[in-house]
C-alpha cells in the first residue's frame, strides 16, 4: 500500500506519476508519516505489534504526527504536512483520503463506549479541521480548513464552519 499512497500523492501534487515526480514525492512533507503508519500496520498484521509501536513512536518524535495503533485506512492515504495531525486509534477510513496539517480526527465521550468517526472514500480534510465523535463522513466529501465537524456529512458535500 505504500507505493499506492505515493502514486496517489504524486497524482495530487503533479497530476501524474512519472519517475521524476515519484522521486520528488518521496522527499516531501508528510510522506514519512504515511510510510511509518503503513509499516506499523504491517508489523501489527504479522504479529509484531511492538515493532509497529516503535514506528508510531518515531512518527510522533520525527514528524509531530500521532496516529493510533488501531487506525485503518485504505489505499491512497496522503498526509500533506504531518505536524499536528492526531488520529484516534479507532478511526477507520476508505481510500484516497488527503489530510492537511493540524487535523484532529478524534473521539468524543458521549457515553460508553467512546465513539470515533468513520470516514468514507475520496475525502479532503483541510488544515486545522477537527472531526469529532461517532459520526460518519460520506464519500466524496471536502472538509474546509478549521471546520469542526460533529455531525454526519452525507456523500458529495463540502462542509465548513464551526460547527460544520
Protein backbone atom coordinates (compact mmCIF):
# COMPACT_ATOMS: atom_id res chain seq x y z
CA UNK A 1 0.00 0.00 0.00
CA UNK A 2 2.93 2.37 0.49
CA UNK A 3 3.55 2.53 -3.26
CA UNK A 4 -0.15 3.20 -3.94
CA UNK A 5 -0.10 6.01 -1.36
CA UNK A 6 2.94 7.59 -3.02
CA UNK A 7 1.46 7.25 -6.51
CA UNK A 8 -1.76 8.94 -5.33
CA UNK A 9 0.22 11.75 -3.68
CA UNK A 10 2.18 12.30 -6.90
CA UNK A 11 -1.07 12.46 -8.85
CA UNK A 12 -2.46 15.00 -6.35
CA UNK A 13 0.66 17.21 -6.48
CA UNK A 14 1.66 16.93 -10.14
CA UNK A 15 -1.33 15.47 -11.95
CA UNK A 16 0.67 12.42 -12.95
CA UNK A 17 3.12 9.89 -11.59
CA UNK A 18 6.20 9.72 -13.75
CA UNK A 19 9.54 8.63 -12.29
CA UNK A 20 10.75 12.20 -11.66
CA UNK A 21 7.59 13.19 -9.79
CA UNK A 22 7.58 9.95 -7.81
CA UNK A 23 11.11 10.61 -6.55
CA UNK A 24 10.17 14.19 -5.56
CA UNK A 25 7.17 12.89 -3.60
CA UNK A 26 9.38 10.61 -1.52
CA UNK A 27 11.10 13.68 -0.06
CA UNK A 28 8.05 15.90 0.54
CA UNK A 29 6.45 16.71 3.89
CA UNK A 30 4.11 14.07 5.20
CA UNK A 31 5.43 11.15 3.17
CA UNK A 32 7.36 9.68 6.09
CA UNK A 33 4.19 9.95 8.24
CA UNK A 34 2.34 7.66 5.87
CA UNK A 35 5.29 5.29 5.48
CA UNK A 36 5.70 4.94 9.26
CA UNK A 37 1.94 4.37 9.66
CA UNK A 38 1.91 1.70 6.93
CA UNK A 39 4.96 -0.01 8.44
CA UNK A 40 3.28 -0.05 11.86
CA UNK A 41 0.15 -1.64 10.34
CA UNK A 42 2.28 -4.24 8.54
CA UNK A 43 4.10 -5.30 11.69
CA UNK A 44 0.86 -5.41 13.67
CA UNK A 45 -0.72 -7.61 10.99
CA UNK A 46 2.15 -10.14 11.10
CA UNK A 47 2.07 -10.31 14.89
CA UNK A 48 4.97 -7.98 15.67
CA UNK A 49 2.95 -5.18 17.21
CA UNK A 50 5.87 -3.99 19.34
CA UNK A 51 7.87 -3.20 16.20
CA UNK A 52 4.83 -1.39 14.81
CA UNK A 53 4.56 0.62 18.01
CA UNK A 54 8.17 1.77 17.51
CA UNK A 55 7.25 3.13 14.07
CA UNK A 56 4.30 5.04 15.54
CA UNK A 57 6.55 6.50 18.24
CA UNK A 58 9.06 7.55 15.57
CA UNK A 59 6.18 9.25 13.78
CA UNK A 60 5.45 11.28 16.91
CA UNK A 61 9.07 12.21 17.51
CA UNK A 62 10.21 12.91 13.95
CA UNK A 63 7.02 14.21 12.35
CA UNK A 64 4.82 15.53 15.17
CA UNK A 65 2.11 13.20 13.88
CA UNK A 66 0.12 10.94 16.22
CA UNK A 67 -1.68 8.04 14.58
CA UNK A 68 -3.25 5.46 16.89
CA UNK A 69 -2.34 1.79 16.71
CA UNK A 70 -5.75 0.64 15.50
CA UNK A 71 -6.29 3.19 12.72
CA UNK A 72 -7.28 1.61 9.40
CA UNK A 73 -7.18 3.45 6.08
CA UNK A 74 -7.48 2.05 2.58
CA UNK A 75 -5.15 2.76 -0.31
CA UNK A 76 -4.30 6.32 -1.22
CA UNK A 77 -3.70 7.94 2.18
CA UNK A 78 -1.93 11.28 1.80
CA UNK A 79 -0.75 13.37 4.71
CA UNK A 80 0.41 16.63 3.18
CA UNK A 81 2.14 18.03 6.28
CA UNK A 82 2.24 15.82 9.35
CA UNK A 83 2.78 18.45 12.02
CA UNK A 84 -0.10 18.43 14.49
CA UNK A 85 -2.05 15.60 12.88
CA UNK A 86 -3.77 13.43 15.50
CA UNK A 87 -5.88 10.41 14.55
CA UNK A 88 -7.63 8.36 17.25
CA UNK A 89 -6.91 4.65 17.35
CA UNK A 90 -10.47 3.58 16.49
CA UNK A 91 -10.79 5.58 13.26
CA UNK A 92 -11.49 3.70 10.05
CA UNK A 93 -11.37 5.28 6.62
CA UNK A 94 -11.76 4.35 2.99
CA UNK A 95 -9.48 5.07 0.06
CA UNK A 96 -8.00 8.29 -1.29
CA UNK A 97 -8.02 10.44 1.83
CA UNK A 98 -5.99 13.65 1.91
CA UNK A 99 -5.14 15.14 5.31
CA UNK A 100 -3.57 18.58 5.75
CA UNK A 101 -1.61 19.80 8.80
CA UNK A 102 -3.15 20.24 12.24
CA UNK A 103 -6.08 17.90 11.60
CA UNK A 104 -7.64 16.04 14.53
CA UNK A 105 -9.85 13.01 13.90
CA UNK A 106 -10.85 12.09 17.40
CA UNK A 107 -13.16 10.53 19.89
CA UNK A 108 -15.96 12.03 21.88
CA UNK A 109 -17.19 10.66 25.17
CA UNK A 110 -20.90 10.77 24.53
CA UNK A 111 -21.28 7.80 26.80
CA UNK A 112 -19.58 4.46 26.82
CA UNK A 113 -18.06 3.16 24.63
CA UNK A 114 -16.07 6.07 23.28
CA UNK A 115 -17.26 6.98 19.79
CA UNK A 116 -14.95 7.73 16.87
CA UNK A 117 -15.54 8.99 13.34
CA UNK A 118 -15.79 6.67 10.34
CA UNK A 119 -14.64 8.09 7.02
CA UNK A 120 -15.68 7.10 3.51
CA UNK A 121 -13.51 7.40 0.39
CA UNK A 122 -12.29 10.35 -1.67
CA UNK A 123 -12.13 12.81 1.21
CA UNK A 124 -10.13 16.03 1.56
CA UNK A 125 -9.61 17.40 5.09
CA UNK A 126 -8.30 20.99 5.24
CA UNK A 127 -5.73 22.37 7.67
CA UNK A 128 -6.79 22.58 11.28
CA UNK A 129 -10.08 20.74 10.78
CA UNK A 130 -11.49 18.71 13.66
CA UNK A 131 -13.71 15.67 13.12
CA UNK A 132 -15.07 14.52 16.46
CA UNK A 133 -17.32 11.80 17.83
CA UNK A 134 -19.22 8.85 16.49
CA UNK A 135 -20.08 10.41 13.16
CA UNK A 136 -19.87 9.20 9.57
CA UNK A 137 -18.24 11.19 6.82
CA UNK A 138 -19.55 10.05 3.44
CA UNK A 139 -17.75 9.59 0.13
CA UNK A 140 -16.50 12.50 -2.00
CA UNK A 141 -16.54 14.97 0.90
CA UNK A 142 -14.43 18.11 1.31
CA UNK A 143 -13.92 19.47 4.81
CA UNK A 144 -12.79 23.08 4.94
CA UNK A 145 -9.85 24.44 6.88
CA UNK A 146 -10.55 24.85 10.61
CA UNK A 147 -14.00 23.28 10.32
CA UNK A 148 -15.31 21.49 13.39
CA UNK A 149 -17.38 18.52 12.23
CA UNK A 150 -19.60 16.98 14.92
CA UNK A 151 -22.48 15.71 12.77
CA UNK A 152 -22.67 13.24 9.91
CA UNK A 153 -21.70 14.51 6.46
CA UNK A 154 -23.50 12.77 3.58
CA UNK A 155 -21.86 11.87 0.27
CA UNK A 156 -20.80 14.60 -2.18
CA UNK A 157 -20.80 17.65 0.11
CA UNK A 158 -18.43 20.35 1.29
CA UNK A 159 -18.57 21.20 4.99
CA UNK A 160 -17.21 24.38 6.56
CA UNK A 161 -17.61 26.39 9.73
CA UNK A 162 -17.79 25.95 13.46
CA UNK A 163 -19.75 23.75 13.81
CA UNK A 164 -19.64 22.50 10.25
